[in-house]
Amino acid sequence: MKILLTAEQLAEGISRLAQRVRDDVGRRPITVVGVLTGSIVLVSDLIRRLEGPVRVSMVWASSYRGATTTPGRLELRLDLLPDLAGQEVLLVDDIFDTGRTMEALVKELRCRGAKQVRSLVLLRKQGRSEVEIKPDFVGFDIPDAFAVGYGLDYNGAWRHLPYLAELEPADIHEERDSQIDSDGDSGT
């Protein structure tokens, strides 16, 4: 794997994002809505840097299934959301790829009565957007590569890395082989 962003670069980027959010929102109460599961590390680090009243909630969205590196059909689960009527909402996601997840979630949050919905992403892939919507806050622009670490995964692996790395084809092949071996060993 090739390192795209070090732990130090990520920490500096999160601090920059938190400051930009507070410059925009001020000290008004804000509801941070993180997108499971990729944003959990980002949300955790971000909310500790925000001042003023912060409420936290999570939604689940997924278009990647198993050992795939290309998005499929988007599925949303919004049952963990609190009442958003009249709330300032900050939607936090790990990566802006095609933009379809963000577009769908922003629409849903507005339908639930949010006063304003802003969006924040740690990463924006260059040249992949398929929608008109753009994130309000972006930590880093990255090339069109499959990134892992700092909450992002491939088939459930590598979320724990404190840095962000590009998953190379050999890594994907190795992960698939180890999955096949472990499935064979377990008798499935």
Foldseek 3Di string as FASTA:
>chain_A
DAFDWALVLLLVLLLVQQVVVCVVVPQDEEEEEEEPDQCPLSVVSNVVNHDHHYHYWYKYWAQDDAQDQDGHDIDIGDVGDDQQAAHHYEYEYAECFQNPVVVVVLVVSVVSHHPYYAYEYAEYEPPGHPDPDDHPYYRYYDYPFQKAECRHDRRPPRPPHSGIGGQDPVNSVVVVVVVVVVCVVVPD
